[in-house]
């Protein structure tokens, strides 16, 4: 298994989440908390 993704593979999750009708009712506050947590974890770098 490769740890390196193509740009298309890297973007696939974001595109899916941005266009999925399954996420139409997601609470904006929950989405904001998830975004903030993601930024925090990414800023820390690899464990």
PDB file of N, CA and C in Angstrom:
ATOM      1  N   UNK A   1       0.841  -1.187   0.000  1.00  0.00           N
ATOM      2  CA  UNK A   1       0.000   0.000   0.000  1.00  0.00           C
ATOM      3  C   UNK A   1       0.882   1.245   0.000  1.00  0.00           C
ATOM      4  N   UNK A   2       0.608   2.156  -0.889  1.00  0.00           N
ATOM      5  CA  UNK A   2       1.386   3.381  -1.002  1.00  0.00           C
ATOM      6  C   UNK A   2       0.812   4.463  -0.098  1.00  0.00           C
ATOM      7  N   UNK A   3       1.700   5.208   0.545  1.00  0.00           N
ATOM      8  CA  UNK A   3       1.270   6.317   1.392  1.00  0.00           C
ATOM      9  C   UNK A   3       1.159   7.615   0.611  1.00  0.00           C
ATOM     10  N   UNK A   4       1.596   7.583  -0.639  1.00  0.00           N
ATOM     11  CA  UNK A   4       1.549   8.769  -1.478  1.00  0.00           C
ATOM     12  C   UNK A   4       0.314   8.674  -2.374  1.00  0.00           C
ATOM     13  N   UNK A   5      -0.459   9.764  -2.391  1.00  0.00           N
ATOM     14  CA  UNK A   5      -1.663   9.805  -3.221  1.00  0.00           C
ATOM     15  C   UNK A   5      -1.475  10.781  -4.369  1.00  0.00           C
ATOM     16  N   UNK A   6      -2.175  10.513  -5.440  1.00  0.00           N
ATOM     17  CA  UNK A   6      -2.203  11.463  -6.550  1.00  0.00           C
ATOM     18  C   UNK A   6      -3.077  12.645  -6.112  1.00  0.00           C
ATOM     19  N   UNK A   7      -2.964  13.778  -6.779  1.00  0.00           N
ATOM     20  CA  UNK A   7      -3.855  14.900  -6.440  1.00  0.00           C
ATOM     21  C   UNK A   7      -5.336  14.513  -6.530  1.00  0.00           C
ATOM     22  N   UNK A   8      -5.655  13.686  -7.517  1.00  0.00           N
ATOM     23  CA  UNK A   8      -7.047  13.263  -7.681  1.00  0.00           C
ATOM     24  C   UNK A   8      -7.504  12.432  -6.484  1.00  0.00           C
ATOM     25  N   UNK A   9      -6.652  11.522  -6.027  1.00  0.00           N
ATOM     26  CA  UNK A   9      -6.993  10.702  -4.867  1.00  0.00           C
ATOM     27  C   UNK A   9      -7.104  11.561  -3.612  1.00  0.00           C
ATOM     28  N   UNK A  10      -6.222  12.521  -3.470  1.00  0.00           N
ATOM     29  CA  UNK A  10      -6.256  13.396  -2.306  1.00  0.00           C
ATOM     30  C   UNK A  10      -7.507  14.248  -2.264  1.00  0.00           C
ATOM     31  N   UNK A  11      -8.002  14.647  -3.423  1.00  0.00           N
ATOM     32  CA  UNK A  11      -9.187  15.497  -3.483  1.00  0.00           C
ATOM     33  C   UNK A  11     -10.491  14.714  -3.408  1.00  0.00           C
ATOM     34  N   UNK A  12     -10.433  13.413  -3.617  1.00  0.00           N
ATOM     35  CA  UNK A  12     -11.657  12.617  -3.722  1.00  0.00           C
ATOM     36  C   UNK A  12     -12.561  12.719  -2.491  1.00  0.00           C
ATOM     37  N   UNK A  13     -11.991  12.675  -1.294  1.00  0.00           N
ATOM     38  CA  UNK A  13     -12.808  12.743  -0.084  1.00  0.00           C
ATOM     39  C   UNK A  13     -13.486  14.093   0.031  1.00  0.00           C
ATOM     40  N   UNK A  14     -12.743  15.160  -0.220  1.00  0.00           N
ATOM     41  CA  UNK A  14     -13.329  16.501  -0.135  1.00  0.00           C
ATOM     42  C   UNK A  14     -14.454  16.680  -1.142  1.00  0.00           C
ATOM     43  N   UNK A  15     -14.249  16.193  -2.347  1.00  0.00           N
ATOM     44  CA  UNK A  15     -15.278  16.307  -3.381  1.00  0.00           C
ATOM     45  C   UNK A  15     -16.511  15.503  -2.981  1.00  0.00           C
ATOM     46  N   UNK A  16     -16.301  14.294  -2.486  1.00  0.00           N
ATOM     47  CA  UNK A  16     -17.425  13.470  -2.043  1.00  0.00           C
ATOM     48  C   UNK A  16     -18.213  14.177  -0.957  1.00  0.00           C
ATOM     49  N   UNK A  17     -17.532  14.694   0.045  1.00  0.00           N
ATOM     50  CA  UNK A  17     -18.213  15.352   1.154  1.00  0.00           C
ATOM     51  C   UNK A  17     -18.911  16.637   0.722  1.00  0.00           C
ATOM     52  N   UNK A  18     -18.335  17.345  -0.223  1.00  0.00           N
ATOM     53  CA  UNK A  18     -18.937  18.586  -0.688  1.00  0.00           C
ATOM     54  C   UNK A  18     -20.179  18.351  -1.535  1.00  0.00           C
ATOM     55  N   UNK A  19     -20.287  17.176  -2.144  1.00  0.00           N
ATOM     56  CA  UNK A  19     -21.392  16.931  -3.076  1.00  0.00           C
ATOM     57  C   UNK A  19     -22.383  15.874  -2.610  1.00  0.00           C
ATOM     58  N   UNK A  20     -22.118  15.223  -1.484  1.00  0.00           N
ATOM     59  CA  UNK A  20     -22.965  14.120  -1.046  1.00  0.00           C
ATOM     60  C   UNK A  20     -24.306  14.603  -0.502  1.00  0.00           C
ATOM     61  N   UNK A  21     -25.408  14.102  -1.047  1.00  0.00           N
ATOM     62  CA  UNK A  21     -26.720  14.468  -0.499  1.00  0.00           C
ATOM     63  C   UNK A  21     -26.927  13.890   0.901  1.00  0.00           C
ATOM     64  N   UNK A  22     -26.133  12.910   1.293  1.00  0.00           N
ATOM     65  CA  UNK A  22     -26.263  12.322   2.627  1.00  0.00           C
ATOM     66  C   UNK A  22     -25.875  13.311   3.717  1.00  0.00           C
ATOM     67  N   UNK A  23     -25.148  14.352   3.365  1.00  0.00           N
ATOM     68  CA  UNK A  23     -24.695  15.324   4.359  1.00  0.00           C
ATOM     69  C   UNK A  23     -25.499  16.620   4.319  1.00  0.00           C
ATOM     70  N   UNK A  24     -26.617  16.610   3.650  1.00  0.00           N
ATOM     71  CA  UNK A  24     -27.418  17.820   3.484  1.00  0.00           C
ATOM     72  C   UNK A  24     -27.910  18.380   4.812  1.00  0.00           C
ATOM     73  N   UNK A  25     -28.149  17.534   5.812  1.00  0.00           N
ATOM     74  CA  UNK A  25     -28.682  18.021   7.079  1.00  0.00           C
ATOM     75  C   UNK A  25     -27.649  18.166   8.178  1.00  0.00           C
ATOM     76  N   UNK A  26     -26.376  18.249   7.833  1.00  0.00           N
ATOM     77  CA  UNK A  26     -25.328  18.344   8.855  1.00  0.00           C
ATOM     78  C   UNK A  26     -25.419  19.688   9.561  1.00  0.00           C
ATOM     79  N   UNK A  27     -25.356  19.642  10.876  1.00  0.00           N
ATOM     80  CA  UNK A  27     -25.418  20.836  11.702  1.00  0.00           C
ATOM     81  C   UNK A  27     -24.187  21.713  11.448  1.00  0.00           C
ATOM     82  N   UNK A  28     -24.367  22.984  11.114  1.00  0.00           N
ATOM     83  CA  UNK A  28     -23.212  23.858  10.834  1.00  0.00           C
ATOM     84  C   UNK A  28     -22.245  23.979  12.017  1.00  0.00           C
ATOM     85  N   UNK A  29     -22.755  23.949  13.244  1.00  0.00           N
ATOM     86  CA  UNK A  29     -21.866  24.038  14.406  1.00  0.00           C
ATOM     87  C   UNK A  29     -20.972  22.804  14.505  1.00  0.00           C
ATOM     88  N   UNK A  30     -21.527  21.646  14.235  1.00  0.00           N
ATOM     89  CA  UNK A  30     -20.731  20.419  14.249  1.00  0.00           C
ATOM     90  C   UNK A  30     -19.688  20.448  13.146  1.00  0.00           C
ATOM     91  N   UNK A  31     -20.074  20.932  11.996  1.00  0.00           N
ATOM     92  CA  UNK A  31     -19.132  21.025  10.875  1.00  0.00           C
ATOM     93  C   UNK A  31     -17.990  21.977  11.223  1.00  0.00           C
ATOM     94  N   UNK A  32     -18.293  23.075  11.873  1.00  0.00           N
ATOM     95  CA  UNK A  32     -17.267  24.042  12.266  1.00  0.00           C
ATOM     96  C   UNK A  32     -16.315  23.445  13.293  1.00  0.00           C
ATOM     97  N   UNK A  33     -16.850  22.707  14.266  1.00  0.00           N
ATOM     98  CA  UNK A  33     -16.001  22.062  15.274  1.00  0.00           C
ATOM     99  C   UNK A  33     -15.079  21.033  14.619  1.00  0.00           C
ATOM    100  N   UNK A  34     -15.608  20.268  13.685  1.00  0.00           N
ATOM    101  CA  UNK A  34     -14.796  19.273  12.983  1.00  0.00           C
ATOM    102  C   UNK A  34     -13.692  19.951  12.181  1.00  0.00           C
ATOM    103  N   UNK A  35     -14.021  21.039  11.515  1.00  0.00           N
ATOM    104  CA  UNK A  35     -13.034  21.763  10.723  1.00  0.00           C
ATOM    105  C   UNK A  35     -11.901  22.274  11.623  1.00  0.00           C
ATOM    106  N   UNK A  36     -12.266  22.875  12.753  1.00  0.00           N
ATOM    107  CA  UNK A  36     -11.274  23.407  13.687  1.00  0.00           C
ATOM    108  C   UNK A  36     -10.394  22.295  14.243  1.00  0.00           C
ATOM    109  N   UNK A  37     -10.994  21.190  14.612  1.00  0.00           N
ATOM    110  CA  UNK A  37     -10.221  20.053  15.112  1.00  0.00           C
ATOM    111  C   UNK A  37      -9.269  19.539  14.041  1.00  0.00           C
ATOM    112  N   UNK A  38      -9.727  19.443  12.816  1.00  0.00           N
ATOM    113  CA  UNK A  38      -8.885  18.977  11.714  1.00  0.00           C
ATOM    114  C   UNK A  38      -7.683  19.896  11.521  1.00  0.00           C
ATOM    115  N   UNK A  39      -7.914  21.201  11.560  1.00  0.00           N
ATOM    116  CA  UNK A  39      -6.811  22.153  11.420  1.00  0.00           C
ATOM    117  C   UNK A  39      -5.796  21.994  12.550  1.00  0.00           C
ATOM    118  N   UNK A  40      -6.293  21.820  13.767  1.00  0.00           N
ATOM    119  CA  UNK A  40      -5.415  21.649  14.925  1.00  0.00           C
ATOM    120  C   UNK A  40      -4.558  20.399  14.786  1.00  0.00           C
ATOM    121  N   UNK A  41      -5.187  19.295  14.411  1.00  0.00           N
ATOM    122  CA  UNK A  41      -4.450  18.047  14.268  1.00  0.00           C
ATOM    123  C   UNK A  41      -3.444  18.105  13.138  1.00  0.00           C
ATOM    124  N   UNK A  42      -3.797  18.745  12.038  1.00  0.00           N
ATOM    125  CA  UNK A  42      -2.870  18.865  10.921  1.00  0.00           C
ATOM    126  C   UNK A  42      -1.685  19.761  11.261  1.00  0.00           C
ATOM    127  N   UNK A  43      -1.915  20.788  12.067  1.00  0.00           N
ATOM    128  CA  UNK A  43      -0.829  21.686  12.456  1.00  0.00           C
ATOM    129  C   UNK A  43       0.204  20.973  13.339  1.00  0.00           C
ATOM    130  N   UNK A  44      -0.242  19.965  14.093  1.00  0.00           N
ATOM    131  CA  UNK A  44       0.670  19.214  14.957  1.00  0.00           C
ATOM    132  C   UNK A  44       1.593  18.315  14.154  1.00  0.00           C
ATOM    133  N   UNK A  45       1.169  17.920  12.979  1.00  0.00           N
ATOM    134  CA  UNK A  45       1.986  17.050  12.138  1.00  0.00           C
ATOM    135  C   UNK A  45       1.870  15.592  12.570  1.00  0.00           C
ATOM    136  N   UNK A  46       2.703  14.741  11.977  1.00  0.00           N
ATOM    137  CA  UNK A  46       2.647  13.303  12.263  1.00  0.00           C
ATOM    138  C   UNK A  46       2.954  13.005  13.735  1.00  0.00           C
ATOM    139  N   UNK A  47       2.329  11.979  14.226  1.00  0.00           N
ATOM    140  CA  UNK A  47       2.543  11.592  15.631  1.00  0.00           C
ATOM    141  C   UNK A  47       3.879  10.913  15.822  1.00  0.00           C
TER     142      UNK A  47
END
